[in-house]
């Protein structure tokens, strides 16, 4: 597969899978305002998914569109980070997963605005305002949980520790990533990693949370199609209608 198409699938799959996870919470938020906010973030990510996967479909040239790419692939064909497929768990788990992703996503999208590929740069520019809001929102809520009650602090710290091992994969570059860096399309890992750690450390400091060890062992494999069992269940729900009624239209 062409490296650029593979890279676009990774960007689209990250947004799609996290959007689906957040959509599972519709009607289940801890407060009405938060319920609506989670749903709006899900919709933002879904809109970004359509742009990334739509561009991948055009480059692929096989007559597929973004819907077919999303709904007619099996789990091993998805290239998302393992972080975004982790189950929702409690509210602290949801927000910590979101904060870890949002931090990486913000710096990634910001860098992609300067991409040598003009279409990628345009998509990134369209997404940046939403991504900036996502990061501000999740960071503020992490501070409120961490520096809140004894219970909220404990749950936020547990979530931070348990999800930490999924954060390193974003900076573990392979041949696809390196090809994009060499072509001036994507940012290098070292700069993103430094920005990510600095921002997480700042927010954790405000939240009175202890940052897990920087050099801790990290999970990997999602970008290459090796996923946890959680993704299969997520796709079974997300893809049910299209697989039960192939080609169905509203």
Protein backbone atom coordinates (compact mmCIF):
# COMPACT_ATOMS: atom_id res chain seq x y z
CA UNK A 1 0.00 0.00 0.00
CA UNK A 2 1.17 3.51 -0.82
CA UNK A 3 2.64 5.18 2.28
CA UNK A 4 0.48 8.29 1.94
CA UNK A 5 -2.73 6.23 1.75
CA UNK A 6 -1.61 4.20 4.77
CA UNK A 7 -0.89 7.41 6.68
CA UNK A 8 -4.30 8.87 5.81
CA UNK A 9 -5.99 5.68 6.99
CA UNK A 10 -4.21 6.03 10.33
CA UNK A 11 -5.41 9.61 10.73
CA UNK A 12 -8.95 8.68 9.72
CA UNK A 13 -9.11 5.53 11.82
CA UNK A 14 -7.96 7.34 14.96
CA UNK A 15 -10.76 9.87 14.60
CA UNK A 16 -13.35 7.25 13.60
CA UNK A 17 -12.71 4.79 16.41
CA UNK A 18 -12.60 7.48 19.10
CA UNK A 19 -15.75 9.04 17.66
CA UNK A 20 -17.50 5.68 17.96
CA UNK A 21 -16.32 5.25 21.54
CA UNK A 22 -17.67 8.67 22.50
CA UNK A 23 -20.96 8.04 20.70
CA UNK A 24 -21.52 5.08 23.03
CA UNK A 25 -21.89 7.62 25.84
CA UNK A 26 -24.74 9.56 24.26
CA UNK A 27 -27.48 9.75 26.89
CA UNK A 28 -25.12 8.45 29.58
CA UNK A 29 -23.10 11.54 30.52
CA UNK A 30 -22.74 12.50 34.19
CA UNK A 31 -24.55 15.79 33.49
CA UNK A 32 -26.65 17.06 30.58
CA UNK A 33 -24.07 19.64 29.50
CA UNK A 34 -21.29 17.06 29.53
CA UNK A 35 -23.45 14.56 27.68
CA UNK A 36 -23.91 17.10 24.89
CA UNK A 37 -20.22 18.04 24.91
CA UNK A 38 -19.08 14.43 24.51
CA UNK A 39 -21.50 13.96 21.63
CA UNK A 40 -20.28 17.15 19.94
CA UNK A 41 -16.66 16.01 20.20
CA UNK A 42 -17.72 12.70 18.66
CA UNK A 43 -19.33 14.54 15.75
CA UNK A 44 -16.26 16.73 15.26
CA UNK A 45 -14.08 13.64 14.99
CA UNK A 46 -16.51 12.00 12.60
CA UNK A 47 -16.34 15.02 10.32
CA UNK A 48 -12.55 14.81 10.34
CA UNK A 49 -12.80 11.09 9.59
CA UNK A 50 -14.77 11.78 6.42
CA UNK A 51 -12.10 14.17 5.14
CA UNK A 52 -9.17 11.84 5.85
CA UNK A 53 -10.81 8.68 4.54
CA UNK A 54 -12.33 10.53 1.59
CA UNK A 55 -8.89 11.67 0.51
CA UNK A 56 -7.50 8.16 1.00
CA UNK A 57 -10.29 6.77 -1.20
CA UNK A 58 -9.47 9.27 -3.96
CA UNK A 59 -5.78 8.35 -3.94
CA UNK A 60 -6.60 4.66 -3.83
CA UNK A 61 -8.65 4.93 -7.02
CA UNK A 62 -10.60 1.71 -6.50
CA UNK A 63 -14.07 3.22 -6.56
CA UNK A 64 -14.55 3.16 -2.80
CA UNK A 65 -15.74 6.09 -0.73
CA UNK A 66 -15.22 6.94 2.94
CA UNK A 67 -18.31 4.96 3.99
CA UNK A 68 -17.08 1.77 2.36
CA UNK A 69 -13.65 2.18 3.92
CA UNK A 70 -15.22 2.68 7.35
CA UNK A 71 -17.87 -0.02 7.26
CA UNK A 72 -16.43 -2.77 5.06
CA UNK A 73 -13.05 -3.42 6.64
CA UNK A 74 -12.21 -6.00 9.30
CA UNK A 75 -10.34 -5.21 12.51
CA UNK A 76 -6.90 -6.12 11.16
CA UNK A 77 -7.36 -3.55 8.36
CA UNK A 78 -7.83 -0.70 10.84
CA UNK A 79 -4.67 1.30 11.64
CA UNK A 80 -5.73 3.33 14.68
CA UNK A 81 -3.72 3.77 17.85
CA UNK A 82 -4.52 1.24 20.57
CA UNK A 83 -5.33 4.13 22.91
CA UNK A 84 -8.53 5.16 21.14
CA UNK A 85 -10.09 1.69 21.15
CA UNK A 86 -9.84 1.24 24.91
CA UNK A 87 -13.26 0.86 26.63
CA UNK A 88 -14.98 3.85 28.18
CA UNK A 89 -14.85 2.66 31.77
CA UNK A 90 -15.70 5.35 34.32
CA UNK A 91 -15.76 9.09 33.62
CA UNK A 92 -12.13 9.54 34.65
CA UNK A 93 -11.11 6.81 32.18
CA UNK A 94 -13.04 8.53 29.39
CA UNK A 95 -11.50 11.93 30.07
CA UNK A 96 -7.94 10.66 30.54
CA UNK A 97 -8.09 8.73 27.28
CA UNK A 98 -9.42 11.88 25.62
CA UNK A 99 -6.80 14.12 27.16
CA UNK A 100 -3.91 11.87 26.15
CA UNK A 101 -5.24 11.70 22.60
CA UNK A 102 -6.21 15.37 22.37
CA UNK A 103 -2.72 16.47 23.38
CA UNK A 104 -1.08 14.41 20.65
CA UNK A 105 -3.81 15.30 18.16
CA UNK A 106 -3.44 19.04 18.74
CA UNK A 107 0.30 19.11 18.07
CA UNK A 108 -0.03 16.64 15.19
CA UNK A 109 -2.76 18.64 13.44
CA UNK A 110 -0.93 21.89 14.07
CA UNK A 111 2.16 20.50 12.37
CA UNK A 112 0.13 19.06 9.49
CA UNK A 113 -1.10 22.57 8.69
CA UNK A 114 2.42 23.04 7.27
CA UNK A 115 2.37 19.77 5.32
CA UNK A 116 3.91 19.64 1.85
CA UNK A 117 0.71 17.93 0.72
CA UNK A 118 -1.71 20.81 0.21
CA UNK A 119 -4.81 18.64 0.67
CA UNK A 120 -3.54 17.36 4.02
CA UNK A 121 -2.67 20.91 5.06
CA UNK A 122 -6.17 22.09 4.14
CA UNK A 123 -7.85 19.29 6.11
CA UNK A 124 -5.62 20.04 9.09
CA UNK A 125 -6.46 23.74 8.93
CA UNK A 126 -10.18 22.95 8.86
CA UNK A 127 -9.75 20.65 11.87
CA UNK A 128 -7.48 22.80 14.01
CA UNK A 129 -10.16 24.95 15.64
CA UNK A 130 -12.10 21.87 16.76
CA UNK A 131 -8.95 20.09 17.95
CA UNK A 132 -7.88 23.17 19.92
CA UNK A 133 -11.23 23.21 21.71
CA UNK A 134 -11.00 19.48 22.42
CA UNK A 135 -7.62 19.90 24.10
CA UNK A 136 -8.66 22.91 26.17
CA UNK A 137 -11.81 21.14 27.32
CA UNK A 138 -10.24 17.82 28.27
CA UNK A 139 -7.30 19.52 29.98
CA UNK A 140 -9.60 21.70 32.08
CA UNK A 141 -11.64 18.69 33.14
CA UNK A 142 -8.55 16.69 34.09
CA UNK A 143 -7.54 19.54 36.38
CA UNK A 144 -11.02 19.62 37.92
CA UNK A 145 -10.96 15.86 38.55
CA UNK A 146 -7.39 15.68 39.78
CA UNK A 147 -7.67 18.70 42.07
CA UNK A 148 -11.23 17.91 43.13
CA UNK A 149 -12.45 15.43 45.69
CA UNK A 150 -10.44 12.56 47.14
CA UNK A 151 -12.45 10.14 45.02
CA UNK A 152 -12.12 12.08 41.76
CA UNK A 153 -8.38 12.46 42.33
CA UNK A 154 -7.93 8.75 42.98
CA UNK A 155 -9.87 7.76 39.88
CA UNK A 156 -8.03 10.26 37.71
CA UNK A 157 -4.66 8.98 38.94
CA UNK A 158 -5.69 5.37 38.33
CA UNK A 159 -6.82 6.24 34.81
CA UNK A 160 -3.58 8.11 34.15
CA UNK A 161 -1.53 5.09 35.24
CA UNK A 162 -3.55 2.44 33.43
CA UNK A 163 -3.77 4.25 30.09
CA UNK A 164 -0.16 5.45 30.11
CA UNK A 165 1.16 2.34 28.36
CA UNK A 166 -0.91 3.20 25.27
CA UNK A 167 0.51 6.70 24.83
CA UNK A 168 3.93 5.85 23.41
CA UNK A 169 2.68 4.22 20.21
CA UNK A 170 1.94 7.60 18.64
CA UNK A 171 5.67 8.42 18.72
CA UNK A 172 6.91 4.96 17.70
CA UNK A 173 7.48 5.64 14.01
CA UNK A 174 7.69 2.91 11.38
CA UNK A 175 8.47 2.98 7.64
CA UNK A 176 5.15 4.65 6.78
CA UNK A 177 5.70 7.48 9.27
CA UNK A 178 9.32 7.98 8.26
CA UNK A 179 8.38 8.13 4.56
CA UNK A 180 5.90 10.90 5.37
CA UNK A 181 8.51 12.80 7.37
CA UNK A 182 11.06 12.47 4.56
CA UNK A 183 8.51 13.84 2.08
CA UNK A 184 7.75 16.84 4.29
CA UNK A 185 4.18 15.63 4.77
CA UNK A 186 4.25 14.74 8.47
CA UNK A 187 6.15 16.02 11.54
CA UNK A 188 9.03 14.12 13.12
CA UNK A 189 8.39 12.06 16.23
CA UNK A 190 10.93 13.74 18.53
CA UNK A 191 9.34 17.18 18.37
CA UNK A 192 5.82 15.85 18.89
CA UNK A 193 6.92 13.68 21.79
CA UNK A 194 8.61 16.62 23.54
CA UNK A 195 5.55 18.85 23.10
CA UNK A 196 3.22 16.11 24.28
CA UNK A 197 5.19 15.39 27.45
CA UNK A 198 5.56 19.07 28.30
CA UNK A 199 1.84 19.74 28.01
CA UNK A 200 0.80 16.62 29.91
CA UNK A 201 3.28 17.49 32.66
CA UNK A 202 1.87 21.03 32.92
CA UNK A 203 -1.74 19.83 33.21
CA UNK A 204 -0.84 17.07 35.66
CA UNK A 205 0.95 19.64 37.78
CA UNK A 206 -2.20 21.76 37.97
CA UNK A 207 -4.28 18.66 38.61
CA UNK A 208 -1.96 17.48 41.44
CA UNK A 209 -1.55 14.19 39.57
CA UNK A 210 1.67 12.19 39.47
CA UNK A 211 3.00 11.66 35.97
CA UNK A 212 3.86 8.01 35.25
CA UNK A 213 7.48 7.18 34.35
CA UNK A 214 8.48 8.75 31.03
CA UNK A 215 10.45 5.69 29.94
CA UNK A 216 7.82 3.11 30.94
CA UNK A 217 7.18 0.16 28.61
CA UNK A 218 4.61 0.94 25.92
CA UNK A 219 2.10 -1.11 23.96
CA UNK A 220 2.28 -1.01 20.18
CA UNK A 221 0.82 -2.64 17.10
CA UNK A 222 -2.38 -0.72 16.36
CA UNK A 223 -0.83 1.22 13.48
CA UNK A 224 0.12 -2.10 11.89
CA UNK A 225 -3.33 -3.65 12.37
CA UNK A 226 -2.65 -5.63 15.57
CA UNK A 227 -5.41 -4.68 17.97
CA UNK A 228 -6.90 -5.54 21.32
CA UNK A 229 -10.10 -7.58 21.52
CA UNK A 230 -11.98 -4.35 22.21
CA UNK A 231 -11.85 -3.19 18.61
CA UNK A 232 -13.71 -6.24 17.33
CA UNK A 233 -16.67 -5.57 19.61
CA UNK A 234 -16.66 -1.89 18.68
CA UNK A 235 -16.72 -2.67 14.95
CA UNK A 236 -19.43 -5.30 15.36
CA UNK A 237 -21.73 -2.57 16.64
CA UNK A 238 -20.55 0.20 14.32
CA UNK A 239 -20.72 -1.89 11.15
CA UNK A 240 -23.82 -3.96 11.89
CA UNK A 241 -26.32 -2.17 9.64
CA UNK A 242 -24.07 -2.10 6.58
CA UNK A 243 -23.10 -5.75 6.96
CA UNK A 244 -26.65 -6.92 7.68
CA UNK A 245 -28.09 -4.94 4.77
CA UNK A 246 -25.27 -4.49 2.22
CA UNK A 247 -25.59 -1.35 0.17
CA UNK A 248 -28.50 -0.03 2.22
CA UNK A 249 -29.25 3.66 1.76
CA UNK A 250 -31.39 6.04 3.80
